[in-house]
């Protein structure tokens, strides 16, 4: 491992530590959880919209 890779690994570990234990870590975890939930809702909404449009288009005649 060269110096650059080792430095990047150490920076990553430090960033992870700060993310887990630093100021605002609880808010960050809540925001990530909320983002996952919103992504799921948007995904399901998109599937329902496409299904609804498909059913509407097939039954239009």
N, C-alpha and C. Protein backbone atom coordinates (compact mmCIF):
# COMPACT_ATOMS: atom_id res chain seq x y z
N UNK A 1 0.85 -1.17 0.00
CA UNK A 1 0.00 0.00 0.00
C UNK A 1 0.90 1.24 0.00
N UNK A 2 0.63 2.14 -0.90
CA UNK A 2 1.46 3.34 -0.92
C UNK A 2 0.92 4.38 0.05
N UNK A 3 1.63 5.47 0.15
CA UNK A 3 1.31 6.52 1.13
C UNK A 3 -0.07 7.11 0.87
N UNK A 4 -0.39 7.35 -0.39
CA UNK A 4 -1.67 7.97 -0.73
C UNK A 4 -2.83 7.08 -0.30
N UNK A 5 -2.75 5.78 -0.56
CA UNK A 5 -3.83 4.86 -0.17
C UNK A 5 -3.96 4.77 1.34
N UNK A 6 -2.83 4.76 2.02
CA UNK A 6 -2.85 4.70 3.48
C UNK A 6 -3.48 5.97 4.05
N UNK A 7 -3.12 7.11 3.50
CA UNK A 7 -3.68 8.39 3.94
C UNK A 7 -5.18 8.41 3.71
N UNK A 8 -5.62 7.97 2.54
CA UNK A 8 -7.06 7.94 2.24
C UNK A 8 -7.81 7.00 3.18
N UNK A 9 -7.20 5.87 3.51
CA UNK A 9 -7.82 4.93 4.44
C UNK A 9 -7.96 5.55 5.83
N UNK A 10 -6.94 6.26 6.27
CA UNK A 10 -7.00 6.91 7.58
C UNK A 10 -8.05 8.01 7.60
N UNK A 11 -8.14 8.77 6.52
CA UNK A 11 -9.15 9.83 6.44
C UNK A 11 -10.54 9.22 6.47
N UNK A 12 -10.74 8.12 5.74
CA UNK A 12 -12.04 7.43 5.74
C UNK A 12 -12.41 6.98 7.15
N UNK A 13 -11.45 6.37 7.87
CA UNK A 13 -11.71 5.92 9.23
C UNK A 13 -12.07 7.10 10.13
N UNK A 14 -11.37 8.21 9.98
CA UNK A 14 -11.65 9.39 10.77
C UNK A 14 -13.04 9.94 10.45
N UNK A 15 -13.39 10.00 9.17
CA UNK A 15 -14.71 10.47 8.78
C UNK A 15 -15.80 9.56 9.33
N UNK A 16 -15.58 8.25 9.30
CA UNK A 16 -16.55 7.30 9.84
C UNK A 16 -16.71 7.49 11.34
N UNK A 17 -15.59 7.70 12.03
CA UNK A 17 -15.65 7.92 13.47
C UNK A 17 -16.44 9.17 13.79
N UNK A 18 -16.18 10.25 13.08
CA UNK A 18 -16.88 11.50 13.31
C UNK A 18 -18.37 11.33 12.99
N UNK A 19 -18.66 10.59 11.92
CA UNK A 19 -20.05 10.35 11.54
C UNK A 19 -20.79 9.58 12.63
N UNK A 20 -20.11 8.61 13.25
CA UNK A 20 -20.74 7.78 14.27
C UNK A 20 -20.79 8.45 15.64
N UNK A 21 -19.76 9.19 16.01
CA UNK A 21 -19.65 9.70 17.37
C UNK A 21 -19.66 11.22 17.47
N UNK A 22 -19.55 11.91 16.35
CA UNK A 22 -19.39 13.35 16.39
C UNK A 22 -20.68 14.11 16.63
N UNK A 23 -20.55 15.42 16.64
CA UNK A 23 -21.71 16.29 16.81
C UNK A 23 -22.68 16.10 15.65
N UNK A 24 -23.92 15.95 15.98
CA UNK A 24 -24.94 15.80 14.95
C UNK A 24 -25.09 14.39 14.41
N UNK A 25 -24.43 13.43 15.05
CA UNK A 25 -24.50 12.05 14.54
C UNK A 25 -25.91 11.49 14.64
N UNK A 26 -26.64 11.85 15.69
CA UNK A 26 -28.02 11.37 15.84
C UNK A 26 -28.90 11.97 14.75
N UNK A 27 -28.72 13.25 14.47
CA UNK A 27 -29.51 13.89 13.43
C UNK A 27 -29.18 13.29 12.07
N UNK A 28 -27.92 12.97 11.84
CA UNK A 28 -27.51 12.38 10.57
C UNK A 28 -28.16 11.01 10.40
N UNK A 29 -28.18 10.21 11.45
CA UNK A 29 -28.81 8.88 11.38
C UNK A 29 -30.30 9.02 11.10
N UNK A 30 -30.95 9.99 11.76
CA UNK A 30 -32.38 10.22 11.52
C UNK A 30 -32.63 10.66 10.08
N UNK A 31 -31.77 11.52 9.58
CA UNK A 31 -31.93 12.01 8.21
C UNK A 31 -31.75 10.88 7.20
N UNK A 32 -30.78 9.99 7.45
CA UNK A 32 -30.57 8.85 6.55
C UNK A 32 -31.78 7.93 6.57
N UNK A 33 -32.33 7.69 7.75
CA UNK A 33 -33.50 6.83 7.87
C UNK A 33 -34.69 7.46 7.16
N UNK A 34 -34.89 8.74 7.33
CA UNK A 34 -35.97 9.44 6.66
C UNK A 34 -35.79 9.39 5.15
N UNK A 35 -34.57 9.57 4.68
CA UNK A 35 -34.30 9.53 3.24
C UNK A 35 -34.62 8.16 2.66
N UNK A 36 -34.25 7.09 3.37
CA UNK A 36 -34.58 5.73 2.92
C UNK A 36 -36.09 5.55 2.83
N UNK A 37 -36.80 6.05 3.85
CA UNK A 37 -38.26 5.92 3.86
C UNK A 37 -38.88 6.69 2.69
N UNK A 38 -38.40 7.89 2.47
CA UNK A 38 -38.93 8.70 1.37
C UNK A 38 -38.63 8.05 0.02
N UNK A 39 -37.43 7.49 -0.13
CA UNK A 39 -37.10 6.80 -1.37
C UNK A 39 -38.04 5.63 -1.61
N UNK A 40 -38.35 4.88 -0.56
CA UNK A 40 -39.28 3.76 -0.68
C UNK A 40 -40.67 4.22 -1.07
N UNK A 41 -41.13 5.28 -0.46
CA UNK A 41 -42.46 5.82 -0.76
C UNK A 41 -42.52 6.30 -2.21
N UNK A 42 -41.50 7.00 -2.65
CA UNK A 42 -41.46 7.49 -4.03
C UNK A 42 -41.42 6.32 -5.01
N UNK A 43 -40.64 5.29 -4.70
CA UNK A 43 -40.56 4.11 -5.56
C UNK A 43 -41.91 3.43 -5.68
N UNK A 44 -42.57 3.18 -4.54
CA UNK A 44 -43.89 2.54 -4.57
C UNK A 44 -44.92 3.41 -5.28
N UNK A 45 -44.85 4.71 -5.05
CA UNK A 45 -45.77 5.63 -5.74
C UNK A 45 -45.57 5.60 -7.25
N UNK A 46 -44.33 5.50 -7.67
CA UNK A 46 -44.05 5.43 -9.11
C UNK A 46 -44.60 4.15 -9.72
N UNK A 47 -44.43 3.03 -9.01
CA UNK A 47 -44.95 1.75 -9.51
C UNK A 47 -46.48 1.81 -9.60
N UNK A 48 -47.13 2.35 -8.57
CA UNK A 48 -48.58 2.46 -8.60
C UNK A 48 -49.06 3.38 -9.71
N UNK A 49 -48.35 4.45 -9.96
CA UNK A 49 -48.71 5.37 -11.03
C UNK A 49 -48.60 4.69 -12.39
N UNK A 50 -47.51 4.01 -12.63
CA UNK A 50 -47.33 3.30 -13.90
C UNK A 50 -48.41 2.23 -14.07
N UNK A 51 -48.69 1.49 -12.99
CA UNK A 51 -49.73 0.46 -13.07
C UNK A 51 -51.09 1.08 -13.34
N UNK A 52 -51.39 2.19 -12.70
CA UNK A 52 -52.66 2.88 -12.92
C UNK A 52 -52.79 3.38 -14.35
N UNK A 53 -51.75 3.96 -14.88
CA UNK A 53 -51.79 4.46 -16.26
C UNK A 53 -51.94 3.30 -17.23
N UNK A 54 -51.27 2.19 -16.95
CA UNK A 54 -51.37 1.01 -17.81
C UNK A 54 -52.80 0.45 -17.80
N UNK A 55 -53.36 0.32 -16.62
CA UNK A 55 -54.74 -0.18 -16.53
C UNK A 55 -55.71 0.77 -17.23
N UNK A 56 -55.54 2.05 -17.01
CA UNK A 56 -56.39 3.04 -17.66
C UNK A 56 -56.27 2.96 -19.18
N UNK A 57 -55.06 2.83 -19.68
CA UNK A 57 -54.83 2.78 -21.14
C UNK A 57 -55.43 1.51 -21.72
N UNK A 58 -55.36 0.39 -21.02
CA UNK A 58 -55.91 -0.86 -21.52
C UNK A 58 -57.44 -0.89 -21.50
N UNK A 59 -58.04 -0.19 -20.57
CA UNK A 59 -59.50 -0.19 -20.42
C UNK A 59 -60.17 1.03 -21.04
N UNK A 60 -59.45 1.80 -21.80
CA UNK A 60 -59.97 3.05 -22.36
C UNK A 60 -61.01 2.83 -23.44
N UNK A 61 -60.90 1.77 -24.21
CA UNK A 61 -61.79 1.57 -25.33
C UNK A 61 -63.18 1.33 -24.81
